[in-house]
Amino acid sequence: MAIQQASRPVVQFLPEPEIIVVESYAKSIQPSTEMAKQVYETFPASELSDRMLDEAAKLFNDHYGVWGPQSVHAGKRVELSTRRLREQYVLVNASTSYTRVTVDGQLAGNAFVCRWEHNDSNVCWVTQLVVHQDYRERGLAGGLLRAIRNDADDVYGIMSSHPAACLAAAACFGMTIEKVSLDFIRQNASTLMKASPIPYVKDAKLCGRLFDVNNIDMVSGVDTDFFVDHEEPLQALDLIQQQWLWPLGNLPDGHEFLLLLQGKRRRSRSHSSSRVGS
């Protein structure tokens, strides 16, 4: 069943979300702006203005991360122009949407998602998730992911070099990270991703022991040759592993974690098969 986009932006005034420390694990974080009214809005691709994309690109450029030592741009911030943002995240041949959260009118975080159908199942893929540094550790990433959820979604997917993004996705899409089904990922990753309208997802090289790829460190991931600096994500991973049984393995340079989750609607059906479309 296809998912139809709303013709008007969806505005949600969410209650204060449960706080789960997932958005940043920097060594020291100084609280900045006192949290006030949070407004979550979702826009279909057709309603995204150049100004909104300019603001999204600035948020990404200022708060995403820096290039790692193996990159020719080592130490410089990872940047994305408005034009490339539109080309890569607002696809004309797919159902894409943009969710943002503002705090007292300031853009504090956002997420892009893409949806497609595969074997009569609806796939929701988080293509970008960014939270402003001044608003981290305050539940905004979780709020964005909860705003994205749709009862018609059968599968949620994300590729990320930050374990906190995977931790938040697992919590917000219906389970803890420790209950993630590796069998579901192994059985469905290849076919779901090859059906994706997103070029970098469709062409991603599966990596890790889950896919019989000779990488003893990674369990479920993709080799993207995206050499963003891993210092902060590895600090986060160390802290996460002290609290949870982390299922996705370690993070080699140039790789990202791969997480697939079954939507609640699908998990309530017969459990005779974990393969999508079966």
C-alpha atoms as a PDB file:
ATOM      1  CA  MET A   1       0.000   0.000   0.000  1.00  0.00           C
ATOM      2  CA  ALA A   2       1.437   3.331  -1.036  1.00  0.00           C
ATOM      3  CA  ILE A   3       1.910   6.052   1.541  1.00  0.00           C
ATOM      4  CA  GLN A   4       0.358   9.326   0.454  1.00  0.00           C
ATOM      5  CA  GLN A   5       1.986  12.528   1.556  1.00  0.00           C
ATOM      6  CA  ALA A   6      -0.073  15.172   3.289  1.00  0.00           C
ATOM      7  CA  SER A   7      -0.820  18.213   1.184  1.00  0.00           C
ATOM      8  CA  ARG A   8      -0.224  20.476   4.173  1.00  0.00           C
ATOM      9  CA  PRO A   9       2.550  20.459   6.769  1.00  0.00           C
ATOM     10  CA  VAL A  10       1.823  18.387   9.849  1.00  0.00           C
ATOM     11  CA  VAL A  11       2.458  20.329  13.038  1.00  0.00           C
ATOM     12  CA  GLN A  12       2.909  18.422  16.264  1.00  0.00           C
ATOM     13  CA  PHE A  13       3.259  19.902  19.748  1.00  0.00           C
ATOM     14  CA  LEU A  14       4.795  16.884  21.407  1.00  0.00           C
ATOM     15  CA  PRO A  15       4.903  16.475  25.165  1.00  0.00           C
ATOM     16  CA  GLU A  16       8.344  16.512  26.719  1.00  0.00           C
ATOM     17  CA  PRO A  17       9.826  13.219  25.478  1.00  0.00           C
ATOM     18  CA  GLU A  18      11.417  10.646  27.676  1.00  0.00           C
ATOM     19  CA  ILE A  19      15.062  11.632  27.909  1.00  0.00           C
ATOM     20  CA  ILE A  20      17.440   8.989  26.613  1.00  0.00           C
ATOM     21  CA  VAL A  21      21.089  10.012  26.354  1.00  0.00           C
ATOM     22  CA  VAL A  22      21.634   9.232  22.708  1.00  0.00           C
ATOM     23  CA  GLU A  23      22.461  12.385  20.792  1.00  0.00           C
ATOM     24  CA  SER A  24      25.967  13.234  21.910  1.00  0.00           C
ATOM     25  CA  TYR A  25      28.681  11.740  24.035  1.00  0.00           C
ATOM     26  CA  ALA A  26      31.205  14.563  23.934  1.00  0.00           C
ATOM     27  CA  LYS A  27      33.633  14.615  26.827  1.00  0.00           C
ATOM     28  CA  SER A  28      32.113  17.766  28.288  1.00  0.00           C
ATOM     29  CA  ILE A  29      28.860  19.452  27.350  1.00  0.00           C
ATOM     30  CA  GLN A  30      27.837  22.808  28.722  1.00  0.00           C
ATOM     31  CA  PRO A  31      24.087  23.400  28.805  1.00  0.00           C
ATOM     32  CA  SER A  32      23.224  26.460  26.777  1.00  0.00           C
ATOM     33  CA  THR A  33      19.720  27.561  25.960  1.00  0.00           C
ATOM     34  CA  GLU A  34      16.995  26.609  28.426  1.00  0.00           C
ATOM     35  CA  MET A  35      14.450  24.429  26.651  1.00  0.00           C
ATOM     36  CA  ALA A  36      11.113  26.063  25.877  1.00  0.00           C
ATOM     37  CA  LYS A  37       8.336  25.322  23.396  1.00  0.00           C
ATOM     38  CA  GLN A  38       9.254  22.592  20.940  1.00  0.00           C
ATOM     39  CA  VAL A  39       7.395  22.499  17.627  1.00  0.00           C
ATOM     40  CA  TYR A  40       7.735  19.522  15.271  1.00  0.00           C
ATOM     41  CA  GLU A  41       6.661  20.001  11.648  1.00  0.00           C
ATOM     42  CA  THR A  42       6.663  17.592   8.715  1.00  0.00           C
ATOM     43  CA  PHE A  43       6.630  18.777   5.104  1.00  0.00           C
ATOM     44  CA  PRO A  44       6.263  16.759   1.889  1.00  0.00           C
ATOM     45  CA  ALA A  45       8.973  17.367  -0.685  1.00  0.00           C
ATOM     46  CA  SER A  46       6.640  19.483  -2.820  1.00  0.00           C
ATOM     47  CA  GLU A  47       6.387  22.088  -0.055  1.00  0.00           C
ATOM     48  CA  LEU A  48      10.083  22.493   0.689  1.00  0.00           C
ATOM     49  CA  SER A  49      11.219  26.011  -0.138  1.00  0.00           C
ATOM     50  CA  ASP A  50      14.756  27.077  -0.987  1.00  0.00           C
ATOM     51  CA  ARG A  51      14.886  28.969   2.298  1.00  0.00           C
ATOM     52  CA  MET A  52      14.020  25.832   4.282  1.00  0.00           C
ATOM     53  CA  LEU A  53      16.716  23.876   2.464  1.00  0.00           C
ATOM     54  CA  ASP A  54      19.223  26.697   2.998  1.00  0.00           C
ATOM     55  CA  GLU A  55      18.537  26.448   6.740  1.00  0.00           C
ATOM     56  CA  ALA A  56      18.833  22.648   6.655  1.00  0.00           C
ATOM     57  CA  ALA A  57      22.142  22.835   4.795  1.00  0.00           C
ATOM     58  CA  LYS A  58      23.504  25.356   7.314  1.00  0.00           C
ATOM     59  CA  LEU A  59      22.477  23.102  10.217  1.00  0.00           C
ATOM     60  CA  PHE A  60      24.262  20.168   8.575  1.00  0.00           C
ATOM     61  CA  ASN A  61      27.403  22.156   7.752  1.00  0.00           C
ATOM     62  CA  ASP A  62      27.705  23.634  11.245  1.00  0.00           C
ATOM     63  CA  HIS A  63      26.782  20.597  13.329  1.00  0.00           C
ATOM     64  CA  TYR A  64      27.272  17.303  11.469  1.00  0.00           C
ATOM     65  CA  GLY A  65      30.990  16.582  11.823  1.00  0.00           C
ATOM     66  CA  VAL A  66      34.489  16.868  10.374  1.00  0.00           C
ATOM     67  CA  TRP A  67      36.458  14.818   7.895  1.00  0.00           C
ATOM     68  CA  GLY A  68      38.710  12.116   9.327  1.00  0.00           C
ATOM     69  CA  PRO A  69      42.485  11.705   8.898  1.00  0.00           C
ATOM     70  CA  GLN A  70      42.102   9.433   5.859  1.00  0.00           C
ATOM     71  CA  SER A  71      40.225  12.091   3.923  1.00  0.00           C
ATOM     72  CA  VAL A  72      41.922  14.651   1.702  1.00  0.00           C
ATOM     73  CA  HIS A  73      39.862  17.225   3.619  1.00  0.00           C
ATOM     74  CA  ALA A  74      41.017  16.005   7.055  1.00  0.00           C
ATOM     75  CA  GLY A  75      39.999  18.311   9.881  1.00  0.00           C
ATOM     76  CA  LYS A  76      37.581  20.381   7.800  1.00  0.00           C
ATOM     77  CA  ARG A  77      33.856  20.342   8.387  1.00  0.00           C
ATOM     78  CA  VAL A  78      31.742  18.058   6.227  1.00  0.00           C
ATOM     79  CA  GLU A  79      29.642  20.399   4.109  1.00  0.00           C
ATOM     80  CA  LEU A  80      26.654  20.039   1.843  1.00  0.00           C
ATOM     81  CA  SER A  81      25.391  22.743  -0.497  1.00  0.00           C
ATOM     82  CA  THR A  82      21.690  23.488  -0.815  1.00  0.00           C
ATOM     83  CA  ARG A  83      21.776  22.179  -4.393  1.00  0.00           C
ATOM     84  CA  ARG A  84      23.330  18.862  -3.365  1.00  0.00           C
ATOM     85  CA  LEU A  85      20.955  18.600  -0.438  1.00  0.00           C
ATOM     86  CA  ARG A  86      17.989  18.858  -2.783  1.00  0.00           C
ATOM     87  CA  GLU A  87      19.510  16.419  -5.285  1.00  0.00           C
ATOM     88  CA  GLN A  88      20.418  13.763  -2.707  1.00  0.00           C
ATOM     89  CA  TYR A  89      17.605  14.024  -0.158  1.00  0.00           C
ATOM     90  CA  VAL A  90      14.587  15.477  -2.002  1.00  0.00           C
ATOM     91  CA  LEU A  91      14.157  12.941  -4.784  1.00  0.00           C
ATOM     92  CA  VAL A  92      11.678  13.647  -7.555  1.00  0.00           C
ATOM     93  CA  ASN A  93      10.997   9.955  -8.214  1.00  0.00           C
ATOM     94  CA  ALA A  94      10.283   8.967  -4.624  1.00  0.00           C
ATOM     95  CA  SER A  95       8.172   9.837  -1.588  1.00  0.00           C
ATOM     96  CA  THR A  96      10.411  12.062   0.516  1.00  0.00           C
ATOM     97  CA  SER A  97       9.645  14.342   3.427  1.00  0.00           C
ATOM     98  CA  TYR A  98      11.346  16.696   5.841  1.00  0.00           C
ATOM     99  CA  THR A  99      10.751  16.921   9.580  1.00  0.00           C
ATOM    100  CA  ARG A 100      12.159  19.723  11.676  1.00  0.00           C
ATOM    101  CA  VAL A 101      12.003  20.816  15.287  1.00  0.00           C
ATOM    102  CA  THR A 102      12.244  24.441  16.345  1.00  0.00           C
ATOM    103  CA  VAL A 103      12.807  25.680  19.889  1.00  0.00           C
ATOM    104  CA  ASP A 104      11.469  29.184  20.426  1.00  0.00           C
ATOM    105  CA  GLY A 105      11.522  29.632  16.662  1.00  0.00           C
ATOM    106  CA  GLN A 106      15.116  28.486  16.119  1.00  0.00           C
ATOM    107  CA  LEU A 107      15.896  25.429  14.031  1.00  0.00           C
ATOM    108  CA  ALA A 108      17.279  22.919  16.530  1.00  0.00           C
ATOM    109  CA  GLY A 109      17.236  19.683  14.539  1.00  0.00           C
ATOM    110  CA  ASN A 110      15.889  18.011  11.434  1.00  0.00           C
ATOM    111  CA  ALA A 111      15.530  14.742   9.570  1.00  0.00           C
ATOM    112  CA  PHE A 112      14.964  13.707   5.972  1.00  0.00           C
ATOM    113  CA  VAL A 113      13.203  10.453   5.125  1.00  0.00           C
ATOM    114  CA  CYS A 114      12.439   8.531   1.966  1.00  0.00           C
ATOM    115  CA  ARG A 115       9.707   5.918   1.579  1.00  0.00           C
ATOM    116  CA  TRP A 116       9.317   3.237  -1.049  1.00  0.00           C
ATOM    117  CA  GLU A 117       7.486  -0.053  -1.596  1.00  0.00           C
ATOM    118  CA  HIS A 118       9.104  -3.474  -1.763  1.00  0.00           C
ATOM    119  CA  ASN A 119       7.111  -6.697  -2.098  1.00  0.00           C
ATOM    120  CA  ASP A 120       3.943  -5.010  -0.794  1.00  0.00           C
ATOM    121  CA  SER A 121       5.813  -3.644   2.204  1.00  0.00           C
ATOM    122  CA  ASN A 122       6.351   0.033   3.009  1.00  0.00           C
ATOM    123  CA  VAL A 123       9.945   1.004   3.740  1.00  0.00           C
ATOM    124  CA  CYS A 124      10.814   4.195   5.638  1.00  0.00           C
ATOM    125  CA  TRP A 125      14.497   5.171   5.437  1.00  0.00           C
ATOM    126  CA  VAL A 126      16.035   7.926   7.532  1.00  0.00           C
ATOM    127  CA  THR A 127      18.485   9.614   5.165  1.00  0.00           C
ATOM    128  CA  GLN A 128      19.640  12.393   7.484  1.00  0.00           C
ATOM    129  CA  LEU A 129      19.342  13.166  11.201  1.00  0.00           C
ATOM    130  CA  VAL A 130      21.073  16.252  12.632  1.00  0.00           C
ATOM    131  CA  VAL A 131      20.684  18.031  15.975  1.00  0.00           C
ATOM    132  CA  HIS A 132      22.192  21.449  16.763  1.00  0.00           C
ATOM    133  CA  GLN A 133      25.054  21.166  19.256  1.00  0.00           C
ATOM    134  CA  ASP A 134      23.373  23.539  21.706  1.00  0.00           C
ATOM    135  CA  TYR A 135      20.280  21.305  21.900  1.00  0.00           C
ATOM    136  CA  ARG A 136      21.792  17.845  22.244  1.00  0.00           C
ATOM    137  CA  GLU A 137      21.056  15.430  25.089  1.00  0.00           C
ATOM    138  CA  ARG A 138      17.549  16.886  25.386  1.00  0.00           C
ATOM    139  CA  GLY A 139      15.519  14.273  23.539  1.00  0.00           C
ATOM    140  CA  LEU A 140      15.189  16.122  20.218  1.00  0.00           C
ATOM    141  CA  ALA A 141      16.556  13.288  18.065  1.00  0.00           C
ATOM    142  CA  GLY A 142      14.020  10.948  19.623  1.00  0.00           C
ATOM    143  CA  GLY A 143      11.273  13.509  19.090  1.00  0.00           C
ATOM    144  CA  LEU A 144      12.163  13.821  15.399  1.00  0.00           C
ATOM    145  CA  LEU A 145      12.116  10.061  14.924  1.00  0.00           C
ATOM    146  CA  ARG A 146       8.785   9.720  16.727  1.00  0.00           C
ATOM    147  CA  ALA A 147       7.354  12.452  14.486  1.00  0.00           C
ATOM    148  CA  ILE A 148       8.492  10.435  11.454  1.00  0.00           C
ATOM    149  CA  ARG A 149       6.722   7.235  12.498  1.00  0.00           C
ATOM    150  CA  ASN A 150       3.738   6.103  10.467  1.00  0.00           C
ATOM    151  CA  ASP A 151       1.463   3.185  11.282  1.00  0.00           C
ATOM    152  CA  ALA A 152       1.655   2.103   7.639  1.00  0.00           C
ATOM    153  CA  ASP A 153       5.447   1.617   7.778  1.00  0.00           C
ATOM    154  CA  ASP A 154       6.569  -2.016   7.746  1.00  0.00           C
ATOM    155  CA  VAL A 155      10.337  -1.453   7.846  1.00  0.00           C
ATOM    156  CA  TYR A 156      12.570   1.336   9.136  1.00  0.00           C
ATOM    157  CA  GLY A 157      16.150   1.705   7.950  1.00  0.00           C
ATOM    158  CA  ILE A 158      19.137   3.889   8.677  1.00  0.00           C
ATOM    159  CA  MET A 159      22.834   3.938   7.744  1.00  0.00           C
ATOM    160  CA  SER A 160      24.896   5.997  10.162  1.00  0.00           C
ATOM    161  CA  SER A 161      28.443   6.338  11.413  1.00  0.00           C
ATOM    162  CA  HIS A 162      27.096   7.397  14.804  1.00  0.00           C
ATOM    163  CA  PRO A 163      25.891   4.628  17.140  1.00  0.00           C
ATOM    164  CA  ALA A 164      23.675   7.125  18.970  1.00  0.00           C
ATOM    165  CA  ALA A 165      21.527   7.496  15.840  1.00  0.00           C
ATOM    166  CA  CYS A 166      21.015   3.724  15.743  1.00  0.00           C
ATOM    167  CA  LEU A 167      20.288   3.620  19.469  1.00  0.00           C
ATOM    168  CA  ALA A 168      17.663   6.352  19.095  1.00  0.00           C
ATOM    169  CA  ALA A 169      16.097   4.694  16.045  1.00  0.00           C
ATOM    170  CA  ALA A 170      15.775   1.353  17.833  1.00  0.00           C
ATOM    171  CA  ALA A 171      14.137   3.017  20.842  1.00  0.00           C
ATOM    172  CA  CYS A 172      11.765   5.223  18.849  1.00  0.00           C
ATOM    173  CA  PHE A 173      10.691   2.637  16.300  1.00  0.00           C
ATOM    174  CA  GLY A 174       9.573   0.155  18.899  1.00  0.00           C
ATOM    175  CA  MET A 175      12.367  -1.788  20.596  1.00  0.00           C
ATOM    176  CA  THR A 176      15.637  -1.476  22.465  1.00  0.00           C
ATOM    177  CA  ILE A 177      18.929  -1.906  20.652  1.00  0.00           C
ATOM    178  CA  GLU A 178      19.470  -5.214  22.459  1.00  0.00           C
ATOM    179  CA  LYS A 179      16.322  -6.688  20.886  1.00  0.00           C
ATOM    180  CA  VAL A 180      17.242  -5.844  17.292  1.00  0.00           C
ATOM    181  CA  SER A 181      16.795  -8.890  15.053  1.00  0.00           C
ATOM    182  CA  LEU A 182      20.056  -9.572  13.237  1.00  0.00           C
ATOM    183  CA  ASP A 183      18.302 -12.345  11.285  1.00  0.00           C
ATOM    184  CA  PHE A 184      15.837  -9.781   9.933  1.00  0.00           C
ATOM    185  CA  ILE A 185      18.696  -7.547   8.807  1.00  0.00           C
ATOM    186  CA  ARG A 186      20.593 -10.431   7.230  1.00  0.00           C
ATOM    187  CA  GLN A 187      17.560 -11.743   5.327  1.00  0.00           C
ATOM    188  CA  ASN A 188      16.262  -8.404   4.046  1.00  0.00           C
ATOM    189  CA  ALA A 189      19.069  -5.865   3.735  1.00  0.00           C
ATOM    190  CA  SER A 190      20.205  -6.710   0.235  1.00  0.00           C
ATOM    191  CA  THR A 191      16.784  -6.844  -1.459  1.00  0.00           C
ATOM    192  CA  LEU A 192      15.369  -3.822   0.390  1.00  0.00           C
ATOM    193  CA  MET A 193      18.366  -1.660  -0.406  1.00  0.00           C
ATOM    194  CA  LYS A 194      18.564  -2.686  -4.060  1.00  0.00           C
ATOM    195  CA  ALA A 195      14.933  -1.557  -4.409  1.00  0.00           C
ATOM    196  CA  SER A 196      15.739   1.867  -2.950  1.00  0.00           C
ATOM    197  CA  PRO A 197      15.362   5.001  -5.095  1.00  0.00           C
ATOM    198  CA  ILE A 198      18.246   6.545  -3.098  1.00  0.00           C
ATOM    199  CA  PRO A 199      21.454   6.014  -5.120  1.00  0.00           C
ATOM    200  CA  TYR A 200      23.856   5.844  -2.170  1.00  0.00           C
ATOM    201  CA  VAL A 201      21.615   3.290  -0.408  1.00  0.00           C
ATOM    202  CA  LYS A 202      21.049   1.212  -3.522  1.00  0.00           C
ATOM    203  CA  ASP A 203      24.764   1.075  -4.316  1.00  0.00           C
ATOM    204  CA  ALA A 204      26.024   0.591  -0.742  1.00  0.00           C
ATOM    205  CA  LYS A 205      28.305  -2.405  -0.180  1.00  0.00           C
ATOM    206  CA  LEU A 206      27.086  -4.576   2.672  1.00  0.00           C
ATOM    207  CA  CYS A 207      29.808  -5.329   5.157  1.00  0.00           C
ATOM    208  CA  GLY A 208      30.239  -7.372   8.317  1.00  0.00           C
ATOM    209  CA  ARG A 209      30.008 -10.871   9.695  1.00  0.00           C
ATOM    210  CA  LEU A 210      26.245 -10.831   9.209  1.00  0.00           C
ATOM    211  CA  PHE A 211      26.766 -10.841   5.437  1.00  0.00           C
ATOM    212  CA  ASP A 212      29.753 -13.218   5.376  1.00  0.00           C
ATOM    213  CA  VAL A 213      32.024 -10.346   4.445  1.00  0.00           C
ATOM    214  CA  ASN A 214      35.510 -10.778   5.828  1.00  0.00           C
ATOM    215  CA  ASN A 215      35.454  -8.079   8.463  1.00  0.00           C
ATOM    216  CA  ILE A 216      35.992  -9.389  11.964  1.00  0.00           C
ATOM    217  CA  ASP A 217      35.167  -6.056  13.633  1.00  0.00           C
ATOM    218  CA  MET A 218      31.854  -5.120  12.058  1.00  0.00           C
ATOM    219  CA  VAL A 219      28.653  -7.150  12.375  1.00  0.00           C
ATOM    220  CA  SER A 220      26.136  -5.120  10.330  1.00  0.00           C
ATOM    221  CA  GLY A 221      27.288  -2.224   8.222  1.00  0.00           C
ATOM    222  CA  VAL A 222      28.095  -0.787   4.841  1.00  0.00           C
ATOM    223  CA  ASP A 223      31.356   0.226   3.225  1.00  0.00           C
ATOM    224  CA  THR A 224      30.647   3.748   1.958  1.00  0.00           C
ATOM    225  CA  ASP A 225      34.160   5.233   1.707  1.00  0.00           C
ATOM    226  CA  PHE A 226      32.721   8.131   3.705  1.00  0.00           C
ATOM    227  CA  PHE A 227      35.725   9.056   5.842  1.00  0.00           C
ATOM    228  CA  VAL A 228      34.089  11.278   8.438  1.00  0.00           C
ATOM    229  CA  ASP A 229      36.032  11.516  11.689  1.00  0.00           C
ATOM    230  CA  HIS A 230      35.136   8.705  14.093  1.00  0.00           C
ATOM    231  CA  GLU A 231      36.623  10.057  17.317  1.00  0.00           C
ATOM    232  CA  GLU A 232      33.339  11.211  18.830  1.00  0.00           C
ATOM    233  CA  PRO A 233      31.254   8.259  17.522  1.00  0.00           C
ATOM    234  CA  LEU A 234      33.795   5.805  18.977  1.00  0.00           C
ATOM    235  CA  GLN A 235      33.614   7.571  22.339  1.00  0.00           C
ATOM    236  CA  ALA A 236      29.846   7.194  22.151  1.00  0.00           C
ATOM    237  CA  LEU A 237      30.175   3.528  21.208  1.00  0.00           C
ATOM    238  CA  ASP A 238      32.388   2.869  24.219  1.00  0.00           C
ATOM    239  CA  LEU A 239      29.816   4.388  26.570  1.00  0.00           C
ATOM    240  CA  ILE A 240      26.931   2.594  24.875  1.00  0.00           C
ATOM    241  CA  GLN A 241      28.693  -0.759  25.180  1.00  0.00           C
ATOM    242  CA  GLN A 242      29.036  -0.169  28.907  1.00  0.00           C
ATOM    243  CA  GLN A 243      25.234   0.024  29.224  1.00  0.00           C
ATOM    244  CA  TRP A 244      23.826  -2.148  26.447  1.00  0.00           C
ATOM    245  CA  LEU A 245      24.666  -5.287  24.533  1.00  0.00           C
ATOM    246  CA  TRP A 246      25.570  -3.568  21.267  1.00  0.00           C
ATOM    247  CA  PRO A 247      24.679  -5.872  18.323  1.00  0.00           C
ATOM    248  CA  LEU A 248      26.200  -4.089  15.302  1.00  0.00           C
ATOM    249  CA  GLY A 249      29.905  -4.551  16.031  1.00  0.00           C
ATOM    250  CA  ASN A 250      32.713  -2.031  15.704  1.00  0.00           C
ATOM    251  CA  LEU A 251      33.123   0.841  13.243  1.00  0.00           C
ATOM    252  CA  PRO A 252      36.050   0.736  10.789  1.00  0.00           C
ATOM    253  CA  ASP A 253      37.046   3.937   8.999  1.00  0.00           C
ATOM    254  CA  GLY A 254      35.014   4.637   5.880  1.00  0.00           C
ATOM    255  CA  HIS A 255      32.086   2.519   7.102  1.00  0.00           C
ATOM    256  CA  GLU A 256      28.648   3.112   8.596  1.00  0.00           C
ATOM    257  CA  PHE A 257      26.417   0.983  10.767  1.00  0.00           C
ATOM    258  CA  LEU A 258      23.356  -0.548   9.106  1.00  0.00           C
ATOM    259  CA  LEU A 259      20.138  -0.952  11.080  1.00  0.00           C
ATOM    260  CA  LEU A 260      16.831  -2.368   9.852  1.00  0.00           C
ATOM    261  CA  LEU A 261      13.785  -2.602  12.105  1.00  0.00           C
ATOM    262  CA  GLN A 262      10.362  -4.126  11.636  1.00  0.00           C
ATOM    263  CA  GLY A 263       7.473  -1.731  12.097  1.00  0.00           C
ATOM    264  CA  LYS A 264       4.957  -2.511  14.812  1.00  0.00           C
ATOM    265  CA  ARG A 265       2.238  -3.349  12.328  1.00  0.00           C
ATOM    266  CA  ARG A 266       4.337  -6.087  10.747  1.00  0.00           C
ATOM    267  CA  ARG A 267       5.520  -7.479  14.078  1.00  0.00           C
ATOM    268  CA  SER A 268       1.893  -7.991  15.116  1.00  0.00           C
ATOM    269  CA  ARG A 269       1.307 -10.329  12.186  1.00  0.00           C
ATOM    270  CA  SER A 270       2.289 -13.952  11.896  1.00  0.00           C
ATOM    271  CA  HIS A 271       5.868 -14.583  12.976  1.00  0.00           C
ATOM    272  CA  SER A 272       6.303 -17.535  10.631  1.00  0.00           C
ATOM    273  CA  SER A 273       8.855 -15.626   8.580  1.00  0.00           C
ATOM    274  CA  SER A 274      11.041 -12.597   9.154  1.00  0.00           C
ATOM    275  CA  ARG A 275      11.591 -12.044   5.438  1.00  0.00           C
ATOM    276  CA  VAL A 276       9.786  -8.975   4.094  1.00  0.00           C
ATOM    277  CA  GLY A 277       7.065  -9.869   1.634  1.00  0.00           C
ATOM    278  CA  SER A 278       6.902 -13.502   2.729  1.00  0.00           C
END
